[in-house]
């Protein structure tokens, strides 16, 4: 929990909120209540991503089904220089996929992305994700993507 305030700061960034399902400014009380409700939930995992021992973002897994599938998402810290964001994004995605398949032993990794988030859709599809479903959210169409362990497209697979 030493990073709880940092995560709150990142969650409240405009760049994070515009691509999030829950896009309001989150109070500290609400944030701590949220953390208390998920910290012991086996179907969820939240991790700080580090680069050179500095926190650069958050990776989260949710709806984890033992050795079958889970959903995941991530966001970057708000103080990363623009020229480093793509490098960190690619690194986080690779590490998140590796963790899901090697440590959580999943067969499938899924994510939900707003159709208007073109960069994320492009990056995930480039990694091997396939579009499997769509649904409507009040903010717009949501695309559900799935990556099967056997279809990973980055080095080492």
Protein backbone atom coordinates (compact mmCIF):
# COMPACT_ATOMS: atom_id res chain seq x y z
CA UNK A 1 0.00 0.00 0.00
CA UNK A 2 3.00 2.34 -0.01
CA UNK A 3 2.04 3.39 -3.54
CA UNK A 4 -1.66 4.02 -2.85
CA UNK A 5 -1.43 7.80 -3.07
CA UNK A 6 0.69 7.54 -6.21
CA UNK A 7 -1.88 5.26 -7.82
CA UNK A 8 -4.66 7.71 -6.89
CA UNK A 9 -2.72 10.53 -8.52
CA UNK A 10 -2.28 8.45 -11.68
CA UNK A 11 -5.92 7.30 -11.71
CA UNK A 12 -7.04 10.92 -11.59
CA UNK A 13 -4.92 12.03 -14.56
CA UNK A 14 -7.00 13.35 -17.42
CA UNK A 15 -5.14 11.06 -19.86
CA UNK A 16 -6.10 8.02 -17.75
CA UNK A 17 -9.69 9.09 -17.00
CA UNK A 18 -10.61 9.73 -20.64
CA UNK A 19 -9.93 6.06 -21.48
CA UNK A 20 -11.36 4.63 -18.24
CA UNK A 21 -14.87 3.33 -17.63
CA UNK A 22 -14.97 5.27 -14.37
CA UNK A 23 -13.91 8.76 -15.41
CA UNK A 24 -14.76 10.96 -12.42
CA UNK A 25 -12.16 12.46 -10.06
CA UNK A 26 -11.66 9.90 -7.32
CA UNK A 27 -11.45 11.13 -3.74
CA UNK A 28 -8.83 9.76 -1.35
CA UNK A 29 -11.59 8.23 0.80
CA UNK A 30 -13.17 6.52 -2.23
CA UNK A 31 -9.74 5.30 -3.39
CA UNK A 32 -8.83 3.79 -0.03
CA UNK A 33 -12.27 2.16 0.24
CA UNK A 34 -11.76 0.69 -3.26
CA UNK A 35 -8.34 -0.66 -2.24
CA UNK A 36 -9.74 -2.24 0.95
CA UNK A 37 -12.43 -3.95 -1.15
CA UNK A 38 -10.00 -5.49 -3.68
CA UNK A 39 -6.69 -6.08 -1.90
CA UNK A 40 -7.62 -9.59 -0.75
CA UNK A 41 -9.74 -10.49 -3.78
CA UNK A 42 -8.09 -13.46 -5.54
CA UNK A 43 -9.76 -12.52 -8.82
CA UNK A 44 -7.79 -9.25 -8.96
CA UNK A 45 -4.12 -8.28 -8.94
CA UNK A 46 -2.69 -4.77 -9.04
CA UNK A 47 1.01 -4.12 -9.52
CA UNK A 48 3.27 -1.13 -9.86
CA UNK A 49 5.47 -1.30 -12.93
CA UNK A 50 9.05 -0.18 -12.37
CA UNK A 51 11.76 0.96 -14.75
CA UNK A 52 15.23 1.51 -13.26
CA UNK A 53 13.58 1.15 -9.82
CA UNK A 54 11.24 4.08 -10.51
CA UNK A 55 7.47 3.61 -10.70
CA UNK A 56 6.22 4.20 -14.25
CA UNK A 57 2.69 2.81 -14.17
CA UNK A 58 0.14 0.32 -12.95
CA UNK A 59 -0.84 -3.06 -14.33
CA UNK A 60 -4.04 -4.68 -13.18
CA UNK A 61 -5.61 -8.06 -13.79
CA UNK A 62 -9.25 -8.68 -13.03
CA UNK A 63 -11.85 -11.43 -13.40
CA UNK A 64 -8.99 -13.90 -13.00
CA UNK A 65 -10.24 -17.43 -13.54
CA UNK A 66 -7.72 -20.03 -12.35
CA UNK A 67 -5.40 -21.09 -15.17
CA UNK A 68 -7.98 -20.12 -17.75
CA UNK A 69 -8.37 -16.43 -18.45
CA UNK A 70 -8.32 -12.92 -17.07
CA UNK A 71 -8.75 -9.35 -18.20
CA UNK A 72 -6.02 -6.78 -17.82
CA UNK A 73 -5.34 -3.08 -18.16
CA UNK A 74 -2.63 -0.58 -17.41
CA UNK A 75 -1.80 3.08 -17.34
CA UNK A 76 1.36 5.11 -17.20
CA UNK A 77 2.51 7.66 -14.64
CA UNK A 78 1.73 11.27 -15.41
CA UNK A 79 5.31 12.53 -15.24
CA UNK A 80 6.79 10.43 -18.07
CA UNK A 81 8.37 12.38 -20.89
CA UNK A 82 6.47 11.98 -24.16
CA UNK A 83 9.45 10.46 -25.97
CA UNK A 84 9.61 7.62 -23.40
CA UNK A 85 5.90 6.75 -23.28
CA UNK A 86 5.90 4.36 -26.25
CA UNK A 87 8.98 2.52 -24.99
CA UNK A 88 7.41 2.10 -21.54
CA UNK A 89 4.04 1.10 -23.03
CA UNK A 90 5.64 -1.66 -25.13
CA UNK A 91 7.67 -2.84 -22.14
CA UNK A 92 4.69 -2.93 -19.80
CA UNK A 93 2.58 -4.79 -22.33
CA UNK A 94 5.30 -7.41 -22.89
CA UNK A 95 5.84 -7.88 -19.15
CA UNK A 96 2.10 -8.06 -18.46
CA UNK A 97 1.62 -10.75 -21.11
CA UNK A 98 4.64 -12.71 -19.87
CA UNK A 99 3.36 -12.52 -16.28
CA UNK A 100 -0.16 -13.61 -17.29
CA UNK A 101 1.01 -16.68 -19.17
CA UNK A 102 4.10 -17.66 -17.14
CA UNK A 103 3.02 -16.80 -13.56
CA UNK A 104 -0.77 -16.80 -13.64
CA UNK A 105 -0.58 -19.71 -16.11
CA UNK A 106 -3.51 -18.35 -18.14
CA UNK A 107 -4.63 -19.70 -21.49
CA UNK A 108 -6.22 -16.40 -22.58
CA UNK A 109 -5.67 -12.76 -21.72
CA UNK A 110 -8.42 -10.28 -22.54
CA UNK A 111 -8.81 -6.52 -22.47
CA UNK A 112 -11.61 -4.03 -22.98
CA UNK A 113 -10.86 -0.84 -24.88
CA UNK A 114 -13.00 1.99 -26.12
CA UNK A 115 -13.13 2.01 -29.92
CA UNK A 116 -12.00 5.66 -29.85
CA UNK A 117 -8.73 4.62 -28.16
CA UNK A 118 -7.08 3.96 -31.54
CA UNK A 119 -3.51 3.78 -30.21
CA UNK A 120 -4.35 1.05 -27.69
CA UNK A 121 -6.31 -0.95 -30.27
CA UNK A 122 -3.41 -0.74 -32.70
CA UNK A 123 -0.81 -1.73 -30.10
CA UNK A 124 -2.80 -4.68 -28.78
CA UNK A 125 -3.62 -6.01 -32.25
CA UNK A 126 0.06 -5.63 -33.18
CA UNK A 127 0.87 -7.89 -30.22
CA UNK A 128 -1.53 -10.58 -31.48
CA UNK A 129 -4.84 -9.75 -29.82
CA UNK A 130 -7.97 -10.63 -31.79
CA UNK A 131 -11.25 -8.72 -31.57
CA UNK A 132 -13.85 -11.11 -30.14
CA UNK A 133 -16.77 -8.89 -29.12
CA UNK A 134 -18.11 -5.37 -28.76
CA UNK A 135 -20.65 -3.74 -26.49
CA UNK A 136 -21.99 -0.27 -25.78
CA UNK A 137 -20.94 1.82 -22.80
CA UNK A 138 -22.24 5.31 -22.04
CA UNK A 139 -18.90 6.70 -23.28
CA UNK A 140 -18.93 4.73 -26.54
CA UNK A 141 -18.36 1.34 -28.11
CA UNK A 142 -16.11 -1.05 -26.21
CA UNK A 143 -14.00 -3.59 -28.07
CA UNK A 144 -13.16 -6.85 -26.28
CA UNK A 145 -9.83 -8.29 -27.38
CA UNK A 146 -8.35 -11.68 -26.60
CA UNK A 147 -4.83 -13.01 -26.77
CA UNK A 148 -4.37 -16.75 -26.62
CA UNK A 149 -1.10 -18.01 -25.17
CA UNK A 150 -0.34 -19.78 -28.46
CA UNK A 151 -0.71 -16.54 -30.48
CA UNK A 152 1.72 -14.23 -28.68
CA UNK A 153 3.73 -12.25 -31.26
CA UNK A 154 6.65 -10.74 -29.34
CA UNK A 155 10.18 -12.07 -28.91
CA UNK A 156 10.61 -15.22 -26.89
CA UNK A 157 7.33 -16.83 -27.94
